[in-house]
Every structure is written in C-alpha cells, then in structure tokens.
Amino acid sequence: QVQLVESGGGLVQPGGSLRLSCAASRSISSMYTMAWYRQAPGKERELVAGMHSAGSTNYADSVKGRFTISRDNAKNTVYLQMNSLKPEDTAVYYCNAHSIFGLDTWGQGTLVTVSS
C-alpha cells in the first residue's frame, strides 16, 4: 500500500501563500484520484481539491480561484498551491490517494495556520 507524507504547512499571514506537498512512496500514476482534504477544529473533514488520473480537477467552492492542485508523476508528488489565504483556511490538511480498487490512503496531515 502506498504511503503518503505531507509537508509545507506553517504559519502565514492573511493574504499570503503556501505550497503543500504530498510525497508518495511509490508511483501515483495509477491512482484513480489524488486529493487534498482539510479539517478545522470542531469541524468535519472536507474535500478541498481533487485530481483524477486523467487530469480533471475539482475544488471546493470556498477555495476556487485561490487554490491549485497539481501532480508530478515523475516525482510521485502532489501539490496544493494556496494563494490569498484567509483565517478560515486554518486547518490540518491531509493528502488522500484513492486507488482504482476503491482503497483510500491518508497522510498524517500538515497544519496550516492563517493569522496575523
């Protein structure tokens, strides 16, 4: 089973940018989808952005136009570029791999804090 390790979280001021990375232990080219989720304190985990193996993407309404998901199959890595960050983006961000067999794998999460 693939293992996922997120990095790139941290403290950023409102309006700032961060890029999260999700490094997979093996090829992700065969994964059905790769996605980023987040979970804020006291809230349920929610989908932020997803990318199908064919390249199509989808975003939560709250991040459209600000966040961009991308993948580098050669590096087995998925990215989430986050611009114009808002305090409400504060959460633990998780990487998810959904295989063609319907199996889900999660990373350990990386904390993003947007605060002045």
Protein backbone atom coordinates (compact mmCIF):
# COMPACT_ATOMS: atom_id res chain seq x y z
CA GLN A 1 0.00 0.00 0.00
CA VAL A 2 1.24 3.47 -0.83
CA GLN A 3 2.38 5.75 1.99
CA LEU A 4 1.85 9.50 1.87
CA VAL A 5 3.86 12.22 3.62
CA GLU A 6 2.66 15.83 3.60
CA SER A 7 4.87 18.85 4.11
CA GLY A 8 4.80 22.60 3.63
CA GLY A 9 2.38 23.68 6.32
CA GLY A 10 3.06 26.52 8.70
CA LEU A 11 2.03 29.94 9.91
CA VAL A 12 1.19 32.54 7.29
CA GLN A 13 -0.44 35.96 7.39
CA PRO A 14 -3.79 36.58 5.73
CA GLY A 15 -3.28 37.17 2.02
CA GLY A 16 -0.15 35.07 1.97
CA SER A 17 0.69 31.87 0.12
CA LEU A 18 1.83 28.36 0.90
CA ARG A 19 2.55 25.29 -1.17
CA LEU A 20 1.81 21.91 0.32
CA SER A 21 3.50 18.78 -0.96
CA CYS A 22 2.42 15.16 -0.69
CA ALA A 23 5.16 12.66 -1.41
CA ALA A 24 4.07 9.12 -2.19
CA SER A 25 6.19 6.04 -1.51
CA ARG A 26 5.51 4.69 -4.97
CA SER A 27 4.01 5.65 -8.29
CA ILE A 28 0.78 7.60 -8.14
CA SER A 29 0.13 7.48 -11.86
CA SER A 30 -2.21 4.53 -11.39
CA MET A 31 -4.19 6.11 -8.61
CA TYR A 32 -7.78 6.86 -9.57
CA THR A 33 -7.69 10.20 -7.78
CA MET A 34 -5.37 12.23 -5.62
CA ALA A 35 -6.90 14.83 -3.36
CA TRP A 36 -6.39 17.27 -0.53
CA TYR A 37 -8.79 17.42 2.40
CA ARG A 38 -8.76 19.63 5.46
CA GLN A 39 -10.18 19.52 8.94
CA ALA A 40 -10.59 22.60 11.08
CA PRO A 41 -11.03 22.35 14.86
CA GLY A 42 -14.52 21.20 15.71
CA LYS A 43 -15.45 20.61 12.08
CA GLU A 44 -15.71 17.60 9.81
CA ARG A 45 -13.05 16.77 7.28
CA GLU A 46 -13.87 18.33 3.91
CA LEU A 47 -12.63 17.96 0.37
CA VAL A 48 -10.50 20.89 -0.75
CA ALA A 49 -9.29 19.82 -4.17
CA GLY A 50 -9.09 16.63 -6.20
CA MET A 51 -7.40 15.49 -9.37
CA HIS A 52 -8.46 12.49 -11.45
CA SER A 53 -5.81 10.35 -13.11
CA ALA A 54 -6.97 11.75 -16.45
CA GLY A 55 -6.13 15.25 -15.23
CA SER A 56 -9.51 16.75 -14.46
CA THR A 57 -9.76 18.72 -11.24
CA ASN A 58 -12.43 19.81 -8.82
CA TYR A 59 -12.39 22.32 -5.98
CA ALA A 60 -14.46 23.29 -3.01
CA ASP A 61 -16.36 26.49 -3.71
CA SER A 62 -14.56 28.18 -0.83
CA VAL A 63 -11.13 27.78 -2.47
CA LYS A 64 -11.93 28.16 -6.18
CA GLY A 65 -9.68 30.72 -7.80
CA ARG A 66 -7.25 30.67 -4.87
CA PHE A 67 -6.00 27.06 -4.63
CA THR A 68 -4.50 24.90 -7.36
CA ILE A 69 -3.86 21.17 -7.21
CA SER A 70 -1.19 19.63 -9.40
CA ARG A 71 0.76 16.41 -9.64
CA ASP A 72 4.22 15.39 -10.81
CA ASN A 73 4.07 11.69 -11.61
CA ALA A 74 7.83 11.54 -12.15
CA LYS A 75 8.36 12.65 -8.55
CA ASN A 76 5.33 10.77 -7.17
CA THR A 77 4.22 14.05 -5.63
CA VAL A 78 1.01 16.04 -5.46
CA TYR A 79 0.96 19.73 -4.65
CA LEU A 80 -1.55 22.23 -3.37
CA GLN A 81 -0.70 25.83 -4.14
CA MET A 82 -2.66 28.06 -1.80
CA ASN A 83 -2.85 31.80 -2.51
CA SER A 84 -4.78 34.64 -0.89
CA LEU A 85 -5.07 32.66 2.29
CA LYS A 86 -7.77 33.55 4.79
CA PRO A 87 -8.07 32.81 8.51
CA GLU A 88 -10.87 30.37 7.70
CA ASP A 89 -8.36 28.27 5.73
CA THR A 90 -6.74 27.34 9.03
CA ALA A 91 -6.87 23.57 9.35
CA VAL A 92 -4.92 20.35 9.22
CA TYR A 93 -4.53 19.45 5.56
CA TYR A 94 -4.47 15.80 4.55
CA CYS A 95 -3.39 14.14 1.35
CA ASN A 96 -5.56 11.31 0.04
CA ALA A 97 -4.94 8.64 -2.57
CA HIS A 98 -7.93 6.72 -3.89
CA SER A 99 -6.97 3.63 -5.84
CA ILE A 100 -8.78 2.04 -8.74
CA PHE A 101 -9.72 -0.76 -6.32
CA GLY A 102 -11.53 1.67 -4.05
CA LEU A 103 -8.90 1.80 -1.33
CA ASP A 104 -8.18 5.07 0.46
CA THR A 105 -4.80 6.02 1.88
CA TRP A 106 -4.22 9.10 4.05
CA GLY A 107 -1.17 11.04 5.07
CA GLN A 108 -0.53 12.19 8.62
CA GLY A 109 -1.57 15.76 7.89
CA THR A 110 0.16 19.13 7.95
CA LEU A 111 -1.08 22.13 9.92
CA VAL A 112 -1.80 25.40 8.16
CA THR A 113 -2.43 28.42 10.36
CA VAL A 114 -3.51 31.72 8.81
CA SER A 115 -3.22 34.50 11.32
CA SER A 116 -1.80 37.97 11.76
